[in-house]
Amino acid sequence: MSKVQAQAVIDTKVFLSIADNIKTDELELFVRELNSIITRRKSKNATYRQRELLRLINQTVLPKDKWERYLELAEKLDDETIGESERQEFLQLVSEEEELRNVRVGLLIELSQLRRISLSALMEELGLYPPGRA
């Protein structure tokens, strides 16, 4: 049996109409695949982009001195010996760490799409684990 390859041009409105009738879980999977395709297309040189993403991921952590201060203040908070000025400093460090973490997650998602693997598989490959699982 011979195989025939067909190509069709689908109008965007028709495509959206079809998508409107797909089950939600299938549509979510399809959207993830589309995002992956878009990411790969935007990346002119996938290997270079992956290296760049790894470099950026490594930069999305608090500097050592801030991290040590964060841990010190967290301990004081747990011991209930933290003063108001230190509490404010701690909240600022928490905010900085959260912002960096959010950026890191975005970079990890892009890298997982480039490598065509799940985010959890990428994190395991890189030795990154959620808090409490390390």
N, C-alpha and C. Protein backbone atom coordinates (compact mmCIF):
# COMPACT_ATOMS: atom_id res chain seq x y z
N MET A 1 0.85 -1.17 0.00
CA MET A 1 0.00 0.00 0.00
C MET A 1 0.89 1.24 0.00
N SER A 2 0.64 2.14 -0.90
CA SER A 2 1.44 3.35 -0.96
C SER A 2 0.84 4.42 -0.06
N LYS A 3 1.71 5.30 0.38
CA LYS A 3 1.27 6.38 1.27
C LYS A 3 1.26 7.68 0.48
N VAL A 4 0.27 8.49 0.76
CA VAL A 4 0.15 9.79 0.11
C VAL A 4 0.23 10.85 1.19
N GLN A 5 1.04 11.84 0.95
CA GLN A 5 1.16 12.94 1.91
C GLN A 5 0.33 14.11 1.39
N ALA A 6 -0.54 14.59 2.23
CA ALA A 6 -1.39 15.72 1.84
C ALA A 6 -1.08 16.91 2.72
N GLN A 7 -1.12 18.07 2.11
CA GLN A 7 -0.94 19.30 2.86
C GLN A 7 -2.14 20.18 2.59
N ALA A 8 -2.59 20.84 3.63
CA ALA A 8 -3.75 21.73 3.48
C ALA A 8 -3.46 23.04 4.18
N VAL A 9 -4.03 24.08 3.64
CA VAL A 9 -3.94 25.39 4.27
C VAL A 9 -5.26 25.61 4.98
N ILE A 10 -5.18 25.81 6.29
CA ILE A 10 -6.40 25.99 7.08
C ILE A 10 -6.47 27.44 7.53
N ASP A 11 -7.61 28.05 7.27
CA ASP A 11 -7.85 29.42 7.71
C ASP A 11 -7.84 29.45 9.24
N THR A 12 -7.28 30.49 9.82
CA THR A 12 -7.18 30.60 11.27
C THR A 12 -8.54 30.50 11.95
N LYS A 13 -9.56 31.13 11.37
CA LYS A 13 -10.90 31.09 11.98
C LYS A 13 -11.46 29.67 11.96
N VAL A 14 -11.23 28.94 10.89
CA VAL A 14 -11.68 27.55 10.82
C VAL A 14 -10.93 26.72 11.86
N PHE A 15 -9.64 26.96 11.96
CA PHE A 15 -8.81 26.25 12.93
C PHE A 15 -9.32 26.48 14.35
N LEU A 16 -9.63 27.74 14.69
CA LEU A 16 -10.15 28.06 16.02
C LEU A 16 -11.51 27.43 16.25
N SER A 17 -12.33 27.38 15.22
CA SER A 17 -13.65 26.75 15.34
C SER A 17 -13.50 25.26 15.65
N ILE A 18 -12.56 24.62 14.98
CA ILE A 18 -12.30 23.20 15.23
C ILE A 18 -11.77 23.02 16.66
N ALA A 19 -10.85 23.88 17.07
CA ALA A 19 -10.27 23.80 18.41
C ALA A 19 -11.33 23.96 19.49
N ASP A 20 -12.36 24.74 19.20
CA ASP A 20 -13.43 24.97 20.18
C ASP A 20 -14.20 23.69 20.49
N ASN A 21 -14.11 22.71 19.62
CA ASN A 21 -14.86 21.46 19.81
C ASN A 21 -14.01 20.32 20.37
N ILE A 22 -12.74 20.59 20.63
CA ILE A 22 -11.84 19.56 21.17
C ILE A 22 -11.98 19.51 22.69
N LYS A 23 -11.87 18.31 23.26
CA LYS A 23 -11.92 18.17 24.72
C LYS A 23 -10.81 19.01 25.35
N THR A 24 -11.09 19.55 26.54
CA THR A 24 -10.16 20.47 27.20
C THR A 24 -8.79 19.85 27.41
N ASP A 25 -8.72 18.62 27.91
CA ASP A 25 -7.40 18.01 28.17
C ASP A 25 -6.62 17.80 26.87
N GLU A 26 -7.32 17.43 25.79
CA GLU A 26 -6.65 17.27 24.50
C GLU A 26 -6.20 18.63 23.96
N LEU A 27 -7.03 19.64 24.16
CA LEU A 27 -6.68 20.99 23.71
C LEU A 27 -5.46 21.52 24.47
N GLU A 28 -5.40 21.27 25.78
CA GLU A 28 -4.25 21.70 26.57
C GLU A 28 -2.97 21.03 26.08
N LEU A 29 -3.05 19.74 25.78
CA LEU A 29 -1.89 19.02 25.25
C LEU A 29 -1.48 19.62 23.90
N PHE A 30 -2.46 19.89 23.05
CA PHE A 30 -2.19 20.47 21.74
C PHE A 30 -1.53 21.84 21.87
N VAL A 31 -2.02 22.66 22.79
CA VAL A 31 -1.45 24.00 23.01
C VAL A 31 0.00 23.88 23.49
N ARG A 32 0.27 22.94 24.39
CA ARG A 32 1.66 22.74 24.85
C ARG A 32 2.57 22.37 23.68
N GLU A 33 2.06 21.51 22.79
CA GLU A 33 2.85 21.13 21.62
C GLU A 33 3.07 22.33 20.70
N LEU A 34 2.02 23.15 20.52
CA LEU A 34 2.17 24.37 19.71
C LEU A 34 3.20 25.30 20.31
N ASN A 35 3.15 25.49 21.62
CA ASN A 35 4.14 26.34 22.29
C ASN A 35 5.55 25.80 22.09
N SER A 36 5.68 24.51 22.12
CA SER A 36 6.98 23.89 21.90
C SER A 36 7.48 24.17 20.49
N ILE A 37 6.60 24.06 19.51
CA ILE A 37 6.97 24.36 18.12
C ILE A 37 7.38 25.82 17.98
N ILE A 38 6.62 26.71 18.58
CA ILE A 38 6.94 28.14 18.51
C ILE A 38 8.30 28.42 19.13
N THR A 39 8.56 27.82 20.27
CA THR A 39 9.84 28.02 20.95
C THR A 39 10.99 27.55 20.06
N ARG A 40 10.84 26.37 19.46
CA ARG A 40 11.91 25.86 18.59
C ARG A 40 12.10 26.75 17.36
N ARG A 41 11.03 27.26 16.80
CA ARG A 41 11.14 28.13 15.63
C ARG A 41 11.83 29.44 15.97
N LYS A 42 11.53 29.96 17.14
CA LYS A 42 12.14 31.23 17.55
C LYS A 42 13.63 31.07 17.84
N SER A 43 14.02 29.88 18.14
CA SER A 43 15.42 29.63 18.47
C SER A 43 16.18 29.31 17.19
N LYS A 44 16.99 30.26 16.74
CA LYS A 44 17.74 30.06 15.50
C LYS A 44 18.78 28.96 15.67
N ASN A 45 19.37 28.90 16.81
CA ASN A 45 20.38 27.90 17.07
C ASN A 45 20.05 27.25 18.41
N ALA A 46 19.39 26.10 18.35
CA ALA A 46 18.88 25.46 19.56
C ALA A 46 19.99 25.15 20.57
N THR A 47 21.12 24.69 20.10
CA THR A 47 22.21 24.35 21.01
C THR A 47 22.70 25.59 21.74
N TYR A 48 22.88 26.67 20.99
CA TYR A 48 23.32 27.92 21.61
C TYR A 48 22.27 28.40 22.61
N ARG A 49 21.01 28.34 22.23
CA ARG A 49 19.94 28.80 23.12
C ARG A 49 19.89 27.96 24.39
N GLN A 50 20.09 26.66 24.27
CA GLN A 50 20.09 25.80 25.46
C GLN A 50 21.22 26.18 26.40
N ARG A 51 22.39 26.44 25.84
CA ARG A 51 23.52 26.87 26.69
C ARG A 51 23.21 28.20 27.36
N GLU A 52 22.63 29.11 26.62
CA GLU A 52 22.26 30.42 27.16
C GLU A 52 21.23 30.26 28.28
N LEU A 53 20.24 29.40 28.07
CA LEU A 53 19.23 29.17 29.10
C LEU A 53 19.85 28.59 30.36
N LEU A 54 20.76 27.64 30.22
CA LEU A 54 21.43 27.07 31.39
C LEU A 54 22.22 28.13 32.14
N ARG A 55 22.88 29.00 31.39
CA ARG A 55 23.63 30.09 32.03
C ARG A 55 22.68 31.01 32.81
N LEU A 56 21.56 31.35 32.19
CA LEU A 56 20.59 32.22 32.85
C LEU A 56 19.95 31.55 34.07
N ILE A 57 19.67 30.26 33.95
CA ILE A 57 19.10 29.50 35.07
C ILE A 57 20.05 29.55 36.26
N ASN A 58 21.33 29.39 36.00
CA ASN A 58 22.32 29.42 37.08
C ASN A 58 22.45 30.79 37.73
N GLN A 59 22.00 31.82 37.05
CA GLN A 59 22.06 33.18 37.61
C GLN A 59 20.80 33.55 38.38
N THR A 60 19.79 32.69 38.38
CA THR A 60 18.53 33.03 39.04
C THR A 60 18.47 32.50 40.47
N VAL A 61 19.51 32.79 41.21
CA VAL A 61 19.56 32.46 42.63
C VAL A 61 20.08 33.68 43.38
N LEU A 62 19.73 33.76 44.64
CA LEU A 62 20.27 34.86 45.45
C LEU A 62 21.78 34.72 45.55
N PRO A 63 22.51 35.83 45.55
CA PRO A 63 23.95 35.75 45.80
C PRO A 63 24.20 35.11 47.17
N LYS A 64 25.37 34.51 47.32
CA LYS A 64 25.70 33.75 48.53
C LYS A 64 25.47 34.54 49.81
N ASP A 65 25.91 35.81 49.84
CA ASP A 65 25.76 36.60 51.06
C ASP A 65 24.29 36.84 51.40
N LYS A 66 23.48 37.09 50.38
CA LYS A 66 22.05 37.30 50.63
C LYS A 66 21.38 36.00 51.06
N TRP A 67 21.79 34.87 50.44
CA TRP A 67 21.20 33.59 50.81
C TRP A 67 21.54 33.23 52.26
N GLU A 68 22.77 33.47 52.66
CA GLU A 68 23.16 33.20 54.05
C GLU A 68 22.37 34.08 55.01
N ARG A 69 22.18 35.34 54.65
CA ARG A 69 21.39 36.24 55.49
C ARG A 69 19.94 35.78 55.54
N TYR A 70 19.41 35.34 54.42
CA TYR A 70 18.05 34.81 54.34
C TYR A 70 17.89 33.65 55.33
N LEU A 71 18.83 32.71 55.31
CA LEU A 71 18.77 31.56 56.21
C LEU A 71 18.87 31.98 57.67
N GLU A 72 19.75 32.94 57.94
CA GLU A 72 19.92 33.46 59.30
C GLU A 72 18.62 34.09 59.80
N LEU A 73 18.01 34.91 58.96
CA LEU A 73 16.76 35.58 59.36
C LEU A 73 15.61 34.58 59.46
N ALA A 74 15.59 33.58 58.60
CA ALA A 74 14.55 32.54 58.68
C ALA A 74 14.63 31.80 60.00
N GLU A 75 15.85 31.54 60.45
CA GLU A 75 16.05 30.87 61.74
C GLU A 75 15.54 31.76 62.88
N LYS A 76 15.86 33.05 62.81
CA LYS A 76 15.38 33.98 63.84
C LYS A 76 13.85 34.05 63.84
N LEU A 77 13.27 34.00 62.66
CA LEU A 77 11.81 34.02 62.55
C LEU A 77 11.22 32.78 63.21
N ASP A 78 11.82 31.62 62.94
CA ASP A 78 11.37 30.37 63.55
C ASP A 78 11.51 30.39 65.07
N ASP A 79 12.60 31.00 65.53
CA ASP A 79 12.86 31.08 66.97
C ASP A 79 12.09 32.22 67.65
N GLU A 80 11.39 33.00 66.83
CA GLU A 80 10.63 34.16 67.31
C GLU A 80 11.53 35.17 68.02
N THR A 81 12.74 35.36 67.49
CA THR A 81 13.67 36.34 68.05
C THR A 81 14.00 37.44 67.04
N ILE A 82 13.18 37.58 66.04
CA ILE A 82 13.44 38.54 64.97
C ILE A 82 12.82 39.90 65.31
N GLY A 83 13.58 40.95 65.09
CA GLY A 83 13.08 42.30 65.31
C GLY A 83 12.35 42.82 64.08
N GLU A 84 11.70 43.95 64.22
CA GLU A 84 10.90 44.50 63.12
C GLU A 84 11.76 44.85 61.90
N SER A 85 12.91 45.48 62.11
CA SER A 85 13.76 45.84 60.96
C SER A 85 14.29 44.59 60.26
N GLU A 86 14.63 43.55 61.05
CA GLU A 86 15.09 42.31 60.44
C GLU A 86 13.94 41.59 59.73
N ARG A 87 12.74 41.70 60.28
CA ARG A 87 11.57 41.10 59.62
C ARG A 87 11.34 41.75 58.26
N GLN A 88 11.48 43.07 58.20
CA GLN A 88 11.33 43.78 56.93
C GLN A 88 12.42 43.36 55.94
N GLU A 89 13.64 43.23 56.45
CA GLU A 89 14.75 42.77 55.61
C GLU A 89 14.47 41.37 55.07
N PHE A 90 13.95 40.51 55.94
CA PHE A 90 13.62 39.14 55.54
C PHE A 90 12.55 39.14 54.45
N LEU A 91 11.51 39.96 54.63
CA LEU A 91 10.45 40.04 53.63
C LEU A 91 10.99 40.51 52.28
N GLN A 92 11.94 41.43 52.31
CA GLN A 92 12.56 41.90 51.07
C GLN A 92 13.35 40.77 50.40
N LEU A 93 14.08 40.01 51.19
CA LEU A 93 14.83 38.88 50.64
C LEU A 93 13.90 37.80 50.09
N VAL A 94 12.79 37.57 50.78
CA VAL A 94 11.79 36.61 50.30
C VAL A 94 11.26 37.06 48.94
N SER A 95 10.96 38.34 48.83
CA SER A 95 10.45 38.90 47.58
C SER A 95 11.46 38.74 46.45
N GLU A 96 12.72 39.03 46.72
CA GLU A 96 13.78 38.88 45.71
C GLU A 96 13.91 37.42 45.28
N GLU A 97 13.88 36.52 46.25
CA GLU A 97 14.03 35.09 45.95
C GLU A 97 12.85 34.60 45.12
N GLU A 98 11.63 35.03 45.45
CA GLU A 98 10.45 34.62 44.70
C GLU A 98 10.52 35.12 43.26
N GLU A 99 10.96 36.35 43.07
CA GLU A 99 11.08 36.90 41.73
C GLU A 99 12.09 36.09 40.91
N LEU A 100 13.22 35.78 41.50
CA LEU A 100 14.23 34.97 40.82
C LEU A 100 13.69 33.58 40.50
N ARG A 101 12.95 32.99 41.44
CA ARG A 101 12.38 31.65 41.24
C ARG A 101 11.40 31.65 40.07
N ASN A 102 10.58 32.70 39.98
CA ASN A 102 9.61 32.78 38.88
C ASN A 102 10.32 32.89 37.53
N VAL A 103 11.37 33.68 37.47
CA VAL A 103 12.16 33.79 36.24
C VAL A 103 12.77 32.43 35.90
N ARG A 104 13.31 31.76 36.93
CA ARG A 104 13.95 30.45 36.73
C ARG A 104 12.95 29.44 36.16
N VAL A 105 11.73 29.43 36.67
CA VAL A 105 10.72 28.49 36.18
C VAL A 105 10.43 28.75 34.70
N GLY A 106 10.31 30.02 34.32
CA GLY A 106 10.08 30.35 32.91
C GLY A 106 11.22 29.86 32.02
N LEU A 107 12.44 30.04 32.48
CA LEU A 107 13.60 29.57 31.72
C LEU A 107 13.63 28.04 31.64
N LEU A 108 13.28 27.38 32.73
CA LEU A 108 13.24 25.92 32.74
C LEU A 108 12.18 25.39 31.78
N ILE A 109 11.03 26.06 31.73
CA ILE A 109 9.97 25.65 30.81
C ILE A 109 10.46 25.77 29.37
N GLU A 110 11.08 26.89 29.04
CA GLU A 110 11.59 27.08 27.68
C GLU A 110 12.62 26.00 27.34
N LEU A 111 13.52 25.71 28.27
CA LEU A 111 14.54 24.69 28.04
C LEU A 111 13.91 23.31 27.86
N SER A 112 12.90 23.00 28.65
CA SER A 112 12.24 21.69 28.51
C SER A 112 11.56 21.58 27.15
N GLN A 113 10.99 22.68 26.66
CA GLN A 113 10.37 22.65 25.34
C GLN A 113 11.41 22.46 24.24
N LEU A 114 12.54 23.13 24.38
CA LEU A 114 13.61 22.96 23.39
C LEU A 114 14.11 21.52 23.35
N ARG A 115 14.20 20.90 24.52
CA ARG A 115 14.69 19.52 24.60
C ARG A 115 13.59 18.49 24.37
N ARG A 116 12.36 18.97 24.27
CA ARG A 116 11.19 18.11 24.05
C ARG A 116 11.02 17.07 25.16
N ILE A 117 11.20 17.54 26.39
CA ILE A 117 10.96 16.68 27.55
C ILE A 117 10.09 17.46 28.54
N SER A 118 9.51 16.74 29.47
CA SER A 118 8.66 17.40 30.46
C SER A 118 9.51 18.24 31.42
N LEU A 119 8.87 19.20 32.05
CA LEU A 119 9.58 20.04 33.02
C LEU A 119 10.13 19.20 34.16
N SER A 120 9.34 18.25 34.65
CA SER A 120 9.82 17.41 35.76
C SER A 120 11.01 16.56 35.34
N ALA A 121 11.00 16.05 34.09
CA ALA A 121 12.15 15.26 33.61
C ALA A 121 13.39 16.14 33.50
N LEU A 122 13.23 17.37 33.03
CA LEU A 122 14.36 18.29 32.92
C LEU A 122 14.93 18.60 34.30
N MET A 123 14.03 18.88 35.26
CA MET A 123 14.49 19.22 36.61
C MET A 123 15.26 18.04 37.21
N GLU A 124 14.77 16.84 36.99
CA GLU A 124 15.47 15.67 37.51
C GLU A 124 16.84 15.53 36.82
N GLU A 125 16.86 15.75 35.50
CA GLU A 125 18.11 15.67 34.74
C GLU A 125 19.14 16.68 35.26
N LEU A 126 18.67 17.87 35.64
CA LEU A 126 19.56 18.92 36.13
C LEU A 126 19.83 18.82 37.63
N GLY A 127 19.18 17.86 38.30
CA GLY A 127 19.37 17.71 39.74
C GLY A 127 18.66 18.79 40.55
N LEU A 128 17.58 19.32 39.99
CA LEU A 128 16.79 20.34 40.69
C LEU A 128 15.54 19.69 41.24
N TYR A 129 15.29 19.91 42.51
CA TYR A 129 14.13 19.30 43.15
C TYR A 129 13.36 20.36 43.91
N PRO A 130 12.03 20.20 43.98
CA PRO A 130 11.24 21.14 44.77
C PRO A 130 11.65 21.08 46.24
N PRO A 131 11.41 22.15 46.98
CA PRO A 131 11.75 22.14 48.41
C PRO A 131 11.12 20.93 49.10
N GLY A 132 11.90 20.29 49.96
CA GLY A 132 11.40 19.13 50.70
C GLY A 132 11.67 17.81 50.00
N ARG A 133 12.09 17.85 48.72
CA ARG A 133 12.37 16.63 47.98
C ARG A 133 13.85 16.42 47.73
N ALA A 134 14.66 17.38 48.08
CA ALA A 134 16.10 17.30 47.79
C ALA A 134 16.79 16.24 48.60
